[in-house]
């Protein structure tokens, strides 16, 4: 069981390194990384919240209009 937990954390670490490489965050200082990641999280969470709250209303409205 310990090896599977270790493998899981190794995979999470690998994903984090891929995130740093794909967004070129490895060149920034730690405080800049935190700022960028916080802003990115805020933007994505706002988009997801808006989609969950407002999209069903618009879809229902479209279904009623075109039915």
Protein backbone atom coordinates (compact mmCIF):
# COMPACT_ATOMS: atom_id res chain seq x y z
CA UNK A 1 0.00 0.00 0.00
CA UNK A 2 2.86 2.37 0.77
CA UNK A 3 4.26 1.96 -2.73
CA UNK A 4 0.92 2.85 -4.32
CA UNK A 5 0.67 6.00 -2.17
CA UNK A 6 4.22 6.91 -3.09
CA UNK A 7 3.44 6.28 -6.77
CA UNK A 8 0.36 8.52 -6.50
CA UNK A 9 2.37 11.40 -5.01
CA UNK A 10 5.05 10.89 -7.63
CA UNK A 11 2.38 11.18 -10.33
CA UNK A 12 1.00 14.38 -8.74
CA UNK A 13 4.51 15.79 -8.63
CA UNK A 14 4.97 14.90 -12.30
CA UNK A 15 1.70 16.69 -13.16
CA UNK A 16 2.86 19.76 -11.25
CA UNK A 17 6.14 19.78 -13.16
CA UNK A 18 4.23 19.50 -16.44
CA UNK A 19 2.07 22.45 -15.36
CA UNK A 20 5.20 24.49 -14.65
CA UNK A 21 6.77 23.57 -17.98
CA UNK A 22 3.69 24.12 -20.13
CA UNK A 23 2.93 27.51 -18.64
CA UNK A 24 6.62 28.55 -18.40
CA UNK A 25 6.18 29.21 -14.68
CA UNK A 26 9.49 27.55 -13.87
CA UNK A 27 11.21 30.82 -14.85
CA UNK A 28 9.31 32.90 -12.30
CA UNK A 29 10.07 33.50 -8.66
CA UNK A 30 7.97 31.61 -6.09
CA UNK A 31 5.79 34.62 -5.18
CA UNK A 32 5.07 35.24 -8.88
CA UNK A 33 4.09 31.60 -9.31
CA UNK A 34 1.67 31.82 -6.40
CA UNK A 35 0.16 35.03 -7.77
CA UNK A 36 -0.28 33.55 -11.26
CA UNK A 37 -1.73 30.30 -9.94
CA UNK A 38 -4.15 32.18 -7.66
CA UNK A 39 -5.38 34.36 -10.52
CA UNK A 40 -5.71 31.34 -12.80
CA UNK A 41 -7.70 29.47 -10.15
CA UNK A 42 -9.95 32.50 -9.60
CA UNK A 43 -10.67 32.84 -13.32
CA UNK A 44 -11.37 29.12 -13.81
CA UNK A 45 -13.55 28.86 -10.71
CA UNK A 46 -15.54 31.93 -11.78
CA UNK A 47 -16.08 30.43 -15.22
CA UNK A 48 -17.18 27.08 -13.78
CA UNK A 49 -19.52 28.76 -11.29
CA UNK A 50 -21.07 30.90 -14.02
CA UNK A 51 -21.53 27.88 -16.26
CA UNK A 52 -23.21 25.89 -13.48
CA UNK A 53 -25.53 28.72 -12.47
CA UNK A 54 -26.47 30.41 -15.73
CA UNK A 55 -26.08 27.77 -18.43
CA UNK A 56 -29.06 25.61 -17.38
CA UNK A 57 -31.34 28.66 -17.48
CA UNK A 58 -30.22 29.54 -21.00
CA UNK A 59 -30.48 25.94 -22.22
CA UNK A 60 -34.00 25.66 -20.78
CA UNK A 61 -34.93 28.95 -22.47
CA UNK A 62 -33.57 27.74 -25.81
CA UNK A 63 -35.42 24.43 -25.54
CA UNK A 64 -38.69 26.26 -24.86
CA UNK A 65 -38.09 28.70 -27.72
CA UNK A 66 -37.25 26.10 -30.36
CA UNK A 67 -39.71 23.39 -29.29
